N, C-alpha and C. Protein backbone atom coordinates (compact mmCIF):
# COMPACT_ATOMS: atom_id res chain seq x y z
N UNK A 1 -74.10 12.02 -16.92
CA UNK A 1 -74.10 12.23 -15.49
C UNK A 1 -75.18 13.26 -15.12
N UNK A 2 -76.08 12.95 -14.24
CA UNK A 2 -77.12 13.87 -13.81
C UNK A 2 -76.76 14.55 -12.53
N UNK A 3 -76.13 13.78 -11.59
CA UNK A 3 -75.75 14.40 -10.30
C UNK A 3 -74.47 13.72 -9.80
N UNK A 4 -73.48 14.54 -9.50
CA UNK A 4 -72.27 14.05 -8.87
C UNK A 4 -72.00 14.81 -7.58
N UNK A 5 -73.11 15.15 -6.94
CA UNK A 5 -73.03 15.85 -5.65
C UNK A 5 -72.27 14.99 -4.61
N UNK A 6 -71.54 15.68 -3.76
CA UNK A 6 -70.78 14.93 -2.74
C UNK A 6 -71.77 14.27 -1.79
N UNK A 7 -71.44 13.07 -1.39
CA UNK A 7 -72.35 12.30 -0.51
C UNK A 7 -73.22 11.36 -1.30
N UNK A 8 -74.48 11.20 -0.86
CA UNK A 8 -75.40 10.25 -1.46
C UNK A 8 -76.12 10.81 -2.66
N UNK A 9 -76.32 9.98 -3.69
CA UNK A 9 -77.19 10.21 -4.81
C UNK A 9 -77.85 8.90 -5.10
N UNK A 10 -79.05 8.72 -4.52
CA UNK A 10 -79.65 7.37 -4.48
C UNK A 10 -81.15 7.37 -4.81
N UNK A 11 -81.72 6.23 -5.02
CA UNK A 11 -83.18 5.98 -5.23
C UNK A 11 -83.79 6.92 -6.27
N UNK A 12 -83.23 7.01 -7.49
CA UNK A 12 -83.78 7.87 -8.50
C UNK A 12 -85.07 7.38 -9.09
N UNK A 13 -85.91 8.32 -9.54
CA UNK A 13 -87.17 7.99 -10.19
C UNK A 13 -87.51 9.07 -11.20
N UNK A 14 -87.88 8.64 -12.41
CA UNK A 14 -88.27 9.55 -13.48
C UNK A 14 -89.68 10.07 -13.28
N UNK A 15 -89.95 11.26 -13.67
CA UNK A 15 -91.31 11.80 -13.77
C UNK A 15 -91.96 11.11 -14.99
N UNK A 16 -93.30 11.13 -15.08
CA UNK A 16 -93.98 10.46 -16.24
C UNK A 16 -93.58 10.97 -17.57
N UNK A 17 -93.26 12.29 -17.68
CA UNK A 17 -92.90 12.84 -18.97
C UNK A 17 -91.42 12.60 -19.29
N UNK A 18 -90.65 12.05 -18.33
CA UNK A 18 -89.25 11.75 -18.56
C UNK A 18 -88.33 12.95 -18.52
N UNK A 19 -88.84 14.10 -18.11
CA UNK A 19 -88.00 15.31 -18.12
C UNK A 19 -87.42 15.71 -16.76
N UNK A 20 -87.83 15.01 -15.72
CA UNK A 20 -87.36 15.30 -14.38
C UNK A 20 -87.01 13.99 -13.70
N UNK A 21 -85.93 14.04 -12.90
CA UNK A 21 -85.56 12.93 -12.02
C UNK A 21 -85.61 13.40 -10.60
N UNK A 22 -86.31 12.65 -9.74
CA UNK A 22 -86.28 12.87 -8.30
C UNK A 22 -85.41 11.81 -7.65
N UNK A 23 -84.66 12.16 -6.61
CA UNK A 23 -83.75 11.18 -5.97
C UNK A 23 -83.45 11.70 -4.59
N UNK A 24 -82.84 10.80 -3.79
CA UNK A 24 -82.36 11.19 -2.44
C UNK A 24 -80.90 11.64 -2.55
N UNK A 25 -80.59 12.74 -1.92
CA UNK A 25 -79.23 13.30 -1.97
C UNK A 25 -78.85 13.93 -0.65
N UNK A 26 -77.57 13.95 -0.35
CA UNK A 26 -77.06 14.50 0.92
C UNK A 26 -77.22 16.05 0.90
N UNK A 27 -77.80 16.59 1.95
CA UNK A 27 -78.00 18.04 2.05
C UNK A 27 -78.07 18.42 3.52
N UNK A 28 -77.18 19.26 4.00
CA UNK A 28 -77.23 19.74 5.37
C UNK A 28 -77.11 18.67 6.40
N UNK A 29 -76.46 17.62 6.13
CA UNK A 29 -76.33 16.53 7.11
C UNK A 29 -77.42 15.49 7.07
N UNK A 30 -78.43 15.75 6.19
CA UNK A 30 -79.52 14.81 6.02
C UNK A 30 -79.50 14.24 4.63
N UNK A 31 -80.36 13.30 4.37
CA UNK A 31 -80.70 12.85 3.02
C UNK A 31 -82.05 13.47 2.66
N UNK A 32 -82.10 14.24 1.57
CA UNK A 32 -83.29 14.95 1.19
C UNK A 32 -83.71 14.55 -0.25
N UNK A 33 -85.00 14.65 -0.51
CA UNK A 33 -85.50 14.45 -1.89
C UNK A 33 -85.30 15.70 -2.70
N UNK A 34 -84.69 15.58 -3.80
CA UNK A 34 -84.45 16.69 -4.73
C UNK A 34 -84.82 16.29 -6.16
N UNK A 35 -84.99 17.28 -7.01
CA UNK A 35 -85.30 17.05 -8.41
C UNK A 35 -84.33 17.75 -9.31
N UNK A 36 -84.10 17.16 -10.45
CA UNK A 36 -83.27 17.73 -11.52
C UNK A 36 -83.91 17.54 -12.82
N UNK A 37 -83.81 18.58 -13.69
CA UNK A 37 -84.30 18.43 -15.04
C UNK A 37 -83.27 17.62 -15.83
N UNK A 38 -83.73 16.64 -16.62
CA UNK A 38 -82.82 15.78 -17.36
C UNK A 38 -82.13 16.58 -18.47
N UNK A 39 -82.67 17.70 -18.89
CA UNK A 39 -82.05 18.53 -19.95
C UNK A 39 -81.13 19.55 -19.42
N UNK A 40 -80.94 19.61 -18.11
CA UNK A 40 -80.04 20.54 -17.49
C UNK A 40 -80.79 21.50 -16.59
N UNK A 41 -80.08 22.19 -15.72
CA UNK A 41 -80.70 23.11 -14.78
C UNK A 41 -80.30 22.80 -13.37
N UNK A 42 -80.60 23.69 -12.50
CA UNK A 42 -80.16 23.54 -11.13
C UNK A 42 -81.00 22.55 -10.34
N UNK A 43 -80.42 22.05 -9.27
CA UNK A 43 -81.11 21.10 -8.39
C UNK A 43 -82.15 21.84 -7.53
N UNK A 44 -83.38 21.25 -7.41
CA UNK A 44 -84.43 21.80 -6.60
C UNK A 44 -84.66 20.87 -5.40
N UNK A 45 -84.32 21.39 -4.20
CA UNK A 45 -84.51 20.57 -3.00
C UNK A 45 -85.99 20.55 -2.63
N UNK A 46 -86.59 19.35 -2.51
CA UNK A 46 -88.01 19.28 -2.29
C UNK A 46 -88.38 19.08 -0.82
N UNK A 47 -87.51 18.44 -0.03
CA UNK A 47 -87.77 18.23 1.41
C UNK A 47 -86.72 18.91 2.21
N UNK A 48 -87.08 19.28 3.45
CA UNK A 48 -86.14 19.90 4.39
C UNK A 48 -86.41 19.33 5.75
N UNK A 49 -85.49 18.48 6.20
CA UNK A 49 -85.70 17.81 7.47
C UNK A 49 -84.86 18.42 8.57
N UNK A 50 -85.16 17.94 9.78
CA UNK A 50 -84.38 18.38 10.98
C UNK A 50 -83.83 17.07 11.58
N UNK A 51 -82.60 16.76 11.16
CA UNK A 51 -81.96 15.52 11.64
C UNK A 51 -82.74 14.26 11.23
N UNK A 52 -83.32 14.26 10.06
CA UNK A 52 -84.00 13.07 9.57
C UNK A 52 -83.71 12.95 8.05
N UNK A 53 -84.11 11.80 7.54
CA UNK A 53 -83.77 11.47 6.14
C UNK A 53 -85.02 11.27 5.32
N UNK A 54 -85.01 11.71 4.05
CA UNK A 54 -86.09 11.53 3.10
C UNK A 54 -85.54 10.95 1.78
N UNK A 55 -86.16 9.94 1.23
CA UNK A 55 -85.65 9.28 0.03
C UNK A 55 -86.76 8.49 -0.61
N UNK A 56 -86.41 7.71 -1.64
CA UNK A 56 -87.30 6.80 -2.39
C UNK A 56 -88.52 7.50 -2.98
N UNK A 57 -88.34 8.54 -3.78
CA UNK A 57 -89.47 9.24 -4.37
C UNK A 57 -90.12 8.43 -5.48
N UNK A 58 -91.43 8.76 -5.68
CA UNK A 58 -92.20 8.14 -6.74
C UNK A 58 -93.23 9.18 -7.20
N UNK A 59 -93.28 9.46 -8.49
CA UNK A 59 -94.16 10.51 -9.00
C UNK A 59 -95.59 10.03 -9.18
N UNK A 60 -96.54 10.93 -9.04
CA UNK A 60 -97.94 10.67 -9.39
C UNK A 60 -98.06 10.65 -10.91
N UNK A 61 -99.15 10.13 -11.47
CA UNK A 61 -99.25 10.00 -12.90
C UNK A 61 -99.18 11.33 -13.66
N UNK A 62 -99.63 12.45 -13.05
CA UNK A 62 -99.55 13.71 -13.67
C UNK A 62 -98.24 14.46 -13.42
N UNK A 63 -97.38 13.85 -12.57
CA UNK A 63 -96.09 14.47 -12.31
C UNK A 63 -96.12 15.65 -11.32
N UNK A 64 -97.30 15.90 -10.74
CA UNK A 64 -97.44 17.04 -9.83
C UNK A 64 -97.19 16.77 -8.40
N UNK A 65 -97.18 15.51 -8.02
CA UNK A 65 -96.99 15.10 -6.63
C UNK A 65 -95.89 14.00 -6.58
N UNK A 66 -95.32 13.89 -5.40
CA UNK A 66 -94.24 12.89 -5.15
C UNK A 66 -94.57 12.18 -3.82
N UNK A 67 -94.56 10.85 -3.91
CA UNK A 67 -94.54 10.02 -2.69
C UNK A 67 -93.14 9.77 -2.29
N UNK A 68 -92.86 9.69 -1.06
CA UNK A 68 -91.51 9.44 -0.57
C UNK A 68 -91.52 8.88 0.83
N UNK A 69 -90.38 8.44 1.31
CA UNK A 69 -90.21 7.91 2.67
C UNK A 69 -89.40 8.84 3.51
N UNK A 70 -89.87 9.05 4.76
CA UNK A 70 -89.10 9.91 5.65
C UNK A 70 -89.18 9.25 7.08
N UNK A 71 -88.12 9.44 7.84
CA UNK A 71 -88.14 8.94 9.25
C UNK A 71 -88.31 10.08 10.21
N UNK A 72 -88.97 11.17 9.83
CA UNK A 72 -89.15 12.33 10.67
C UNK A 72 -89.95 12.05 11.94
N UNK A 73 -90.72 10.93 11.93
CA UNK A 73 -91.42 10.51 13.11
C UNK A 73 -90.69 9.49 13.93
N UNK A 74 -89.46 9.23 13.54
CA UNK A 74 -88.61 8.28 14.25
C UNK A 74 -88.47 6.94 13.53
N UNK A 75 -89.51 6.58 12.78
CA UNK A 75 -89.54 5.34 11.97
C UNK A 75 -89.90 5.70 10.55
N UNK A 76 -89.56 4.88 9.56
CA UNK A 76 -89.89 5.20 8.17
C UNK A 76 -91.42 5.22 7.95
N UNK A 77 -91.88 6.24 7.31
CA UNK A 77 -93.29 6.39 6.90
C UNK A 77 -93.39 6.98 5.53
N UNK A 78 -94.55 6.77 4.86
CA UNK A 78 -94.79 7.22 3.51
C UNK A 78 -95.50 8.57 3.58
N UNK A 79 -95.01 9.52 2.81
CA UNK A 79 -95.59 10.85 2.71
C UNK A 79 -95.86 11.17 1.25
N UNK A 80 -96.75 12.16 1.06
CA UNK A 80 -97.05 12.69 -0.27
C UNK A 80 -96.93 14.20 -0.20
N UNK A 81 -96.36 14.78 -1.26
CA UNK A 81 -96.31 16.25 -1.29
C UNK A 81 -96.43 16.73 -2.72
N UNK A 82 -97.07 17.91 -2.94
CA UNK A 82 -96.99 18.51 -4.24
C UNK A 82 -95.54 18.90 -4.52
N UNK A 83 -95.13 18.86 -5.75
CA UNK A 83 -93.77 19.32 -6.07
C UNK A 83 -93.63 20.77 -5.64
N UNK A 84 -92.71 21.01 -4.77
CA UNK A 84 -92.48 22.34 -4.23
C UNK A 84 -93.40 22.68 -3.05
N UNK A 85 -94.18 21.68 -2.58
CA UNK A 85 -95.19 21.95 -1.49
C UNK A 85 -94.81 21.23 -0.18
N UNK A 86 -95.78 21.13 0.69
CA UNK A 86 -95.57 20.58 2.02
C UNK A 86 -96.05 19.12 2.04
N UNK A 87 -95.31 18.25 2.76
CA UNK A 87 -95.66 16.85 2.80
C UNK A 87 -96.81 16.56 3.77
N UNK A 88 -97.51 15.48 3.50
CA UNK A 88 -98.51 14.98 4.46
C UNK A 88 -98.37 13.46 4.56
N UNK A 89 -98.63 12.96 5.72
CA UNK A 89 -98.45 11.52 6.03
C UNK A 89 -99.65 10.74 5.43
N UNK A 90 -99.28 9.61 4.74
CA UNK A 90 -100.36 8.79 4.18
C UNK A 90 -100.32 7.33 4.73
N UNK A 91 -99.20 6.89 5.27
CA UNK A 91 -99.12 5.57 5.90
C UNK A 91 -99.70 5.67 7.30
N UNK A 92 -100.09 4.53 7.82
CA UNK A 92 -100.75 4.50 9.14
C UNK A 92 -99.77 4.81 10.23
N UNK A 93 -100.17 5.68 11.15
CA UNK A 93 -99.30 6.08 12.25
C UNK A 93 -100.11 6.09 13.57
N UNK A 94 -99.61 5.46 14.59
CA UNK A 94 -100.21 5.50 15.90
C UNK A 94 -99.17 5.95 16.87
N UNK A 95 -99.44 6.99 17.63
CA UNK A 95 -98.48 7.55 18.62
C UNK A 95 -98.00 6.47 19.56
N UNK A 96 -96.67 6.36 19.73
CA UNK A 96 -96.10 5.41 20.64
C UNK A 96 -95.83 4.03 20.10
N UNK A 97 -96.31 3.78 18.82
CA UNK A 97 -96.11 2.47 18.21
C UNK A 97 -94.90 2.52 17.32
N UNK A 98 -94.38 1.37 16.98
CA UNK A 98 -93.21 1.27 16.08
C UNK A 98 -93.67 0.96 14.66
N UNK A 99 -93.83 1.96 13.89
CA UNK A 99 -94.22 1.79 12.49
C UNK A 99 -93.05 1.59 11.59
N UNK A 100 -93.28 0.93 10.46
CA UNK A 100 -92.23 0.76 9.45
C UNK A 100 -92.95 0.68 8.09
N UNK A 101 -92.82 1.66 7.28
CA UNK A 101 -93.49 1.73 5.98
C UNK A 101 -92.48 2.32 4.99
N UNK A 102 -92.25 1.61 3.86
CA UNK A 102 -91.25 2.07 2.91
C UNK A 102 -91.52 1.54 1.53
N UNK A 103 -90.66 1.90 0.58
CA UNK A 103 -90.70 1.47 -0.82
C UNK A 103 -92.00 1.84 -1.52
N UNK A 104 -92.45 3.10 -1.47
CA UNK A 104 -93.69 3.46 -2.15
C UNK A 104 -93.54 3.49 -3.67
N UNK A 105 -94.61 3.04 -4.33
CA UNK A 105 -94.67 3.13 -5.79
C UNK A 105 -96.06 3.60 -6.18
N UNK A 106 -96.14 4.73 -6.89
CA UNK A 106 -97.44 5.35 -7.25
C UNK A 106 -97.97 4.72 -8.51
N UNK A 107 -99.24 4.31 -8.48
CA UNK A 107 -99.87 3.67 -9.61
C UNK A 107 -99.88 4.63 -10.80
N UNK A 108 -99.55 4.14 -12.01
CA UNK A 108 -99.61 5.00 -13.20
C UNK A 108 -101.00 5.34 -13.66
N UNK A 109 -102.01 4.76 -13.03
CA UNK A 109 -103.39 4.97 -13.43
C UNK A 109 -104.34 5.62 -12.44
N UNK A 110 -103.79 6.15 -11.34
CA UNK A 110 -104.72 6.71 -10.36
C UNK A 110 -104.05 7.24 -9.14
N UNK A 111 -104.78 7.23 -8.01
CA UNK A 111 -104.31 7.84 -6.80
C UNK A 111 -103.86 6.80 -5.76
N UNK A 112 -103.59 5.56 -6.22
CA UNK A 112 -103.18 4.52 -5.30
C UNK A 112 -101.66 4.47 -5.21
N UNK A 113 -101.17 4.26 -3.97
CA UNK A 113 -99.74 4.08 -3.75
C UNK A 113 -99.58 2.73 -3.06
N UNK A 114 -98.69 1.87 -3.56
CA UNK A 114 -98.36 0.63 -2.94
C UNK A 114 -97.04 0.78 -2.21
N UNK A 115 -96.95 0.13 -1.04
CA UNK A 115 -95.70 0.14 -0.27
C UNK A 115 -95.67 -1.06 0.62
N UNK A 116 -94.52 -1.36 1.21
CA UNK A 116 -94.57 -2.47 2.18
C UNK A 116 -94.48 -1.90 3.62
N UNK A 117 -95.21 -2.61 4.50
CA UNK A 117 -95.35 -2.16 5.87
C UNK A 117 -95.09 -3.33 6.80
N UNK A 118 -94.55 -3.06 7.96
CA UNK A 118 -94.36 -4.10 8.94
C UNK A 118 -95.67 -4.35 9.72
N UNK A 119 -96.19 -5.53 9.52
CA UNK A 119 -97.47 -5.91 10.16
C UNK A 119 -97.21 -7.06 11.09
N UNK A 120 -97.34 -6.87 12.38
CA UNK A 120 -97.06 -7.95 13.39
C UNK A 120 -95.69 -8.54 13.15
N UNK A 121 -94.73 -7.66 12.83
CA UNK A 121 -93.32 -8.10 12.68
C UNK A 121 -92.93 -8.60 11.37
N UNK A 122 -93.88 -8.63 10.42
CA UNK A 122 -93.58 -9.17 9.05
C UNK A 122 -93.98 -8.17 8.02
N UNK A 123 -93.19 -8.04 6.96
CA UNK A 123 -93.47 -7.10 5.86
C UNK A 123 -94.63 -7.62 5.01
N UNK A 124 -95.59 -6.71 4.77
CA UNK A 124 -96.72 -7.01 3.89
C UNK A 124 -96.93 -5.86 2.94
N UNK A 125 -97.61 -6.12 1.80
CA UNK A 125 -97.86 -5.08 0.83
C UNK A 125 -99.19 -4.40 1.19
N UNK A 126 -99.15 -3.09 1.20
CA UNK A 126 -100.31 -2.24 1.57
C UNK A 126 -100.56 -1.26 0.41
N UNK A 127 -101.80 -0.96 0.20
CA UNK A 127 -102.19 0.02 -0.81
C UNK A 127 -103.02 1.16 -0.16
N UNK A 128 -102.63 2.43 -0.37
CA UNK A 128 -103.34 3.54 0.12
C UNK A 128 -103.87 4.37 -1.03
N UNK A 129 -105.11 4.80 -0.97
CA UNK A 129 -105.70 5.70 -1.93
C UNK A 129 -105.54 7.12 -1.39
N UNK A 130 -104.69 7.90 -2.08
CA UNK A 130 -104.34 9.21 -1.56
C UNK A 130 -105.53 10.14 -1.56
N UNK A 131 -106.45 10.03 -2.55
CA UNK A 131 -107.59 10.90 -2.61
C UNK A 131 -108.65 10.55 -1.55
N UNK A 132 -108.85 9.28 -1.36
CA UNK A 132 -109.90 8.82 -0.41
C UNK A 132 -109.40 8.68 1.00
N UNK A 133 -108.08 8.49 1.15
CA UNK A 133 -107.54 8.31 2.48
C UNK A 133 -107.75 6.90 3.04
N UNK A 134 -108.04 5.96 2.18
CA UNK A 134 -108.31 4.57 2.58
C UNK A 134 -107.05 3.72 2.41
N UNK A 135 -106.89 2.70 3.26
CA UNK A 135 -105.77 1.79 3.11
C UNK A 135 -106.28 0.38 3.02
N UNK A 136 -105.53 -0.51 2.34
CA UNK A 136 -105.94 -1.87 2.17
C UNK A 136 -104.72 -2.75 2.24
N UNK A 137 -104.81 -3.80 3.10
CA UNK A 137 -103.70 -4.78 3.18
C UNK A 137 -103.91 -5.74 2.04
N UNK A 138 -102.85 -5.91 1.18
CA UNK A 138 -102.98 -6.73 0.00
C UNK A 138 -102.41 -8.12 0.12
N UNK A 139 -101.49 -8.30 1.09
CA UNK A 139 -100.92 -9.67 1.34
C UNK A 139 -100.98 -9.97 2.83
N UNK A 140 -101.05 -11.25 3.13
CA UNK A 140 -100.99 -11.65 4.53
C UNK A 140 -100.30 -12.99 4.74
N UNK A 141 -99.63 -13.47 3.64
CA UNK A 141 -98.85 -14.72 3.69
C UNK A 141 -97.41 -14.43 3.30
N UNK A 142 -96.46 -14.83 4.06
CA UNK A 142 -95.06 -14.64 3.74
C UNK A 142 -94.57 -13.27 4.13
N UNK A 143 -93.31 -13.03 3.79
CA UNK A 143 -92.69 -11.74 4.05
C UNK A 143 -92.42 -11.02 2.73
N UNK A 144 -93.26 -9.99 2.45
CA UNK A 144 -93.38 -9.43 1.10
C UNK A 144 -92.90 -7.98 1.06
N UNK A 145 -92.13 -7.62 0.02
CA UNK A 145 -91.48 -6.32 -0.04
C UNK A 145 -91.48 -5.76 -1.46
N UNK A 146 -91.16 -4.46 -1.54
CA UNK A 146 -90.81 -3.77 -2.78
C UNK A 146 -91.79 -3.92 -3.90
N UNK A 147 -93.04 -3.46 -3.72
CA UNK A 147 -94.02 -3.56 -4.80
C UNK A 147 -93.73 -2.60 -5.96
N UNK A 148 -94.10 -3.00 -7.19
CA UNK A 148 -93.98 -2.16 -8.35
C UNK A 148 -95.21 -2.38 -9.20
N UNK A 149 -95.84 -1.26 -9.61
CA UNK A 149 -97.08 -1.33 -10.39
C UNK A 149 -96.82 -1.70 -11.85
N UNK A 150 -97.73 -2.48 -12.39
CA UNK A 150 -97.81 -2.69 -13.82
C UNK A 150 -98.42 -1.43 -14.46
N UNK A 151 -98.15 -1.19 -15.71
CA UNK A 151 -98.76 -0.01 -16.37
C UNK A 151 -100.25 -0.04 -16.43
N UNK A 152 -100.89 -1.25 -16.25
CA UNK A 152 -102.38 -1.26 -16.24
C UNK A 152 -103.00 -0.77 -14.94
N UNK A 153 -102.16 -0.48 -13.90
CA UNK A 153 -102.69 0.03 -12.69
C UNK A 153 -103.52 -0.98 -11.90
N UNK A 154 -103.43 -2.22 -12.26
CA UNK A 154 -104.18 -3.27 -11.55
C UNK A 154 -103.25 -4.31 -10.91
N UNK A 155 -102.16 -4.62 -11.53
CA UNK A 155 -101.27 -5.66 -11.06
C UNK A 155 -100.01 -5.08 -10.41
N UNK A 156 -99.49 -5.81 -9.44
CA UNK A 156 -98.23 -5.44 -8.81
C UNK A 156 -97.27 -6.63 -8.86
N UNK A 157 -95.98 -6.35 -9.01
CA UNK A 157 -94.96 -7.36 -8.81
C UNK A 157 -94.27 -7.02 -7.51
N UNK A 158 -93.95 -8.08 -6.70
CA UNK A 158 -93.27 -7.84 -5.45
C UNK A 158 -92.32 -8.98 -5.17
N UNK A 159 -91.44 -8.79 -4.24
CA UNK A 159 -90.49 -9.82 -3.83
C UNK A 159 -90.93 -10.41 -2.49
N UNK A 160 -90.68 -11.76 -2.34
CA UNK A 160 -90.97 -12.40 -1.09
C UNK A 160 -89.81 -13.36 -0.75
N UNK A 161 -89.39 -13.36 0.49
CA UNK A 161 -88.27 -14.20 0.90
C UNK A 161 -88.71 -15.63 1.20
N UNK A 162 -90.01 -15.80 1.57
CA UNK A 162 -90.37 -17.10 2.04
C UNK A 162 -91.70 -17.60 1.52
N UNK A 163 -92.47 -16.85 0.76
CA UNK A 163 -93.68 -17.34 0.13
C UNK A 163 -93.37 -18.39 -0.93
N UNK A 164 -93.86 -19.62 -0.73
CA UNK A 164 -93.66 -20.66 -1.72
C UNK A 164 -92.21 -20.82 -2.11
N UNK A 165 -91.30 -20.70 -1.13
CA UNK A 165 -89.88 -20.85 -1.40
C UNK A 165 -89.17 -19.58 -1.79
N UNK A 166 -89.89 -18.49 -1.88
CA UNK A 166 -89.29 -17.18 -2.21
C UNK A 166 -89.25 -16.92 -3.70
N UNK A 167 -89.09 -15.64 -4.03
CA UNK A 167 -88.98 -15.21 -5.44
C UNK A 167 -89.75 -13.98 -5.70
N UNK A 168 -90.19 -13.76 -6.96
CA UNK A 168 -90.97 -12.63 -7.37
C UNK A 168 -92.37 -13.13 -7.69
N UNK A 169 -93.37 -12.34 -7.34
CA UNK A 169 -94.79 -12.75 -7.48
C UNK A 169 -95.55 -11.59 -8.06
N UNK A 170 -96.66 -11.93 -8.77
CA UNK A 170 -97.55 -10.92 -9.35
C UNK A 170 -98.87 -11.00 -8.63
N UNK A 171 -99.38 -9.85 -8.19
CA UNK A 171 -100.62 -9.73 -7.45
C UNK A 171 -101.67 -8.96 -8.28
N UNK A 172 -102.83 -9.51 -8.42
CA UNK A 172 -103.97 -8.78 -9.02
C UNK A 172 -104.68 -8.05 -7.84
N UNK A 173 -104.66 -6.71 -7.86
CA UNK A 173 -105.15 -5.99 -6.74
C UNK A 173 -106.72 -5.98 -6.70
N UNK A 174 -107.35 -6.39 -7.79
CA UNK A 174 -108.81 -6.48 -7.84
C UNK A 174 -109.29 -7.81 -7.26
N UNK A 175 -108.73 -8.91 -7.71
CA UNK A 175 -109.18 -10.21 -7.30
C UNK A 175 -108.44 -10.71 -6.08
N UNK A 176 -107.23 -10.18 -5.83
CA UNK A 176 -106.37 -10.66 -4.76
C UNK A 176 -105.55 -11.83 -5.10
N UNK A 177 -105.64 -12.30 -6.34
CA UNK A 177 -104.94 -13.52 -6.73
C UNK A 177 -103.45 -13.21 -6.89
N UNK A 178 -102.60 -14.18 -6.38
CA UNK A 178 -101.18 -14.07 -6.47
C UNK A 178 -100.62 -15.21 -7.26
N UNK A 179 -99.72 -14.97 -8.20
CA UNK A 179 -99.09 -16.05 -8.97
C UNK A 179 -97.58 -15.83 -8.97
N UNK A 180 -96.82 -16.92 -9.00
CA UNK A 180 -95.34 -16.82 -9.04
C UNK A 180 -94.86 -16.32 -10.39
N UNK A 181 -93.80 -15.52 -10.36
CA UNK A 181 -93.14 -15.08 -11.57
C UNK A 181 -91.77 -15.72 -11.73
N UNK A 182 -90.99 -15.63 -10.66
CA UNK A 182 -89.64 -16.28 -10.59
C UNK A 182 -89.55 -16.91 -9.24
N UNK A 183 -89.14 -18.18 -9.14
CA UNK A 183 -89.04 -18.85 -7.91
C UNK A 183 -87.57 -18.93 -7.46
N UNK A 184 -87.29 -18.83 -6.19
CA UNK A 184 -85.96 -19.02 -5.65
C UNK A 184 -85.49 -17.86 -4.84
N UNK A 185 -84.45 -18.08 -4.09
CA UNK A 185 -83.88 -17.04 -3.26
C UNK A 185 -83.03 -16.07 -4.09
N UNK A 186 -82.89 -14.87 -3.60
CA UNK A 186 -82.00 -13.88 -4.21
C UNK A 186 -82.65 -12.93 -5.15
N UNK A 187 -83.93 -13.04 -5.39
CA UNK A 187 -84.68 -12.08 -6.25
C UNK A 187 -85.20 -10.97 -5.39
N UNK A 188 -85.06 -9.71 -5.89
CA UNK A 188 -85.57 -8.58 -5.13
C UNK A 188 -85.62 -7.32 -5.97
N UNK A 189 -86.18 -6.29 -5.37
CA UNK A 189 -86.27 -4.95 -6.01
C UNK A 189 -86.83 -5.01 -7.43
N UNK A 190 -87.95 -5.64 -7.69
CA UNK A 190 -88.50 -5.68 -9.06
C UNK A 190 -89.00 -4.28 -9.50
N UNK A 191 -88.97 -4.07 -10.79
CA UNK A 191 -89.51 -2.78 -11.34
C UNK A 191 -90.13 -3.14 -12.70
N UNK A 192 -91.44 -2.84 -12.85
CA UNK A 192 -92.13 -3.26 -14.02
C UNK A 192 -91.83 -2.34 -15.20
N UNK A 193 -91.55 -2.90 -16.35
CA UNK A 193 -91.20 -2.15 -17.57
C UNK A 193 -92.42 -1.72 -18.31
N UNK A 194 -92.60 -0.43 -18.53
CA UNK A 194 -93.70 0.04 -19.34
C UNK A 194 -93.52 -0.30 -20.81
N UNK A 195 -92.25 -0.22 -21.29
CA UNK A 195 -91.99 -0.50 -22.69
C UNK A 195 -92.31 -1.96 -23.05
N UNK A 196 -91.84 -2.89 -22.20
CA UNK A 196 -92.09 -4.30 -22.45
C UNK A 196 -93.59 -4.63 -22.33
N UNK A 197 -94.26 -3.96 -21.37
CA UNK A 197 -95.70 -4.23 -21.20
C UNK A 197 -96.48 -3.81 -22.46
N UNK A 198 -96.13 -2.61 -22.98
CA UNK A 198 -96.83 -2.13 -24.17
C UNK A 198 -96.57 -3.05 -25.37
N UNK A 199 -95.34 -3.53 -25.48
CA UNK A 199 -95.01 -4.41 -26.57
C UNK A 199 -95.73 -5.74 -26.46
N UNK A 200 -95.86 -6.30 -25.24
CA UNK A 200 -96.52 -7.57 -25.11
C UNK A 200 -98.01 -7.47 -25.32
N UNK A 201 -98.65 -6.37 -24.86
CA UNK A 201 -100.07 -6.21 -25.06
C UNK A 201 -100.40 -5.98 -26.54
N UNK A 202 -99.50 -5.30 -27.22
CA UNK A 202 -99.73 -5.04 -28.65
C UNK A 202 -99.63 -6.38 -29.41
N UNK A 203 -98.66 -7.23 -29.05
CA UNK A 203 -98.49 -8.50 -29.71
C UNK A 203 -99.70 -9.41 -29.43
N UNK A 204 -100.28 -9.28 -28.23
CA UNK A 204 -101.42 -10.12 -27.84
C UNK A 204 -102.64 -9.76 -28.68
N UNK A 205 -102.75 -8.51 -29.11
CA UNK A 205 -103.89 -8.08 -29.92
C UNK A 205 -103.74 -8.66 -31.35
């Protein structure tokens, strides 16, 4: 057991070195991002909201930064903060508009974060480069959610409810090519395994 705090203990994510877990937890009437050492030690609250919620953390490759979702602007948006530092907005925001950006996943190979965003009423996969401040729409067909990076930092797996009948799909972020992985309804929340990836690439050699 890592956390049995009263209230919510949700959306956990390991740091790259496996020694820290970040997660959303109830604090002061809000849901806040907090971290715990897997070897023991006290909880470190990373976000402090004012009647808003923060959750769904994802670590940068060096473990020094965390991407997360917060509704502090009234709608879910993606933020980045140094561990123990102040957050900054990285998803697109226009005053007076209804934004919806969630499920961030930080690339294991760089400064890119993938997330899904509501575009003209439909969820699409977006990639933002945290260092450059650039954003790129990666999908424009179907209703696409919950991206997860492959360990190579080039491919993403994501879920779609209606693309080619629905299922899980793999996207090459360089070429833009999309291929089906599992077809059918009911598939969601994919998470790419680093262990299986390394084993398959080693066997291919």
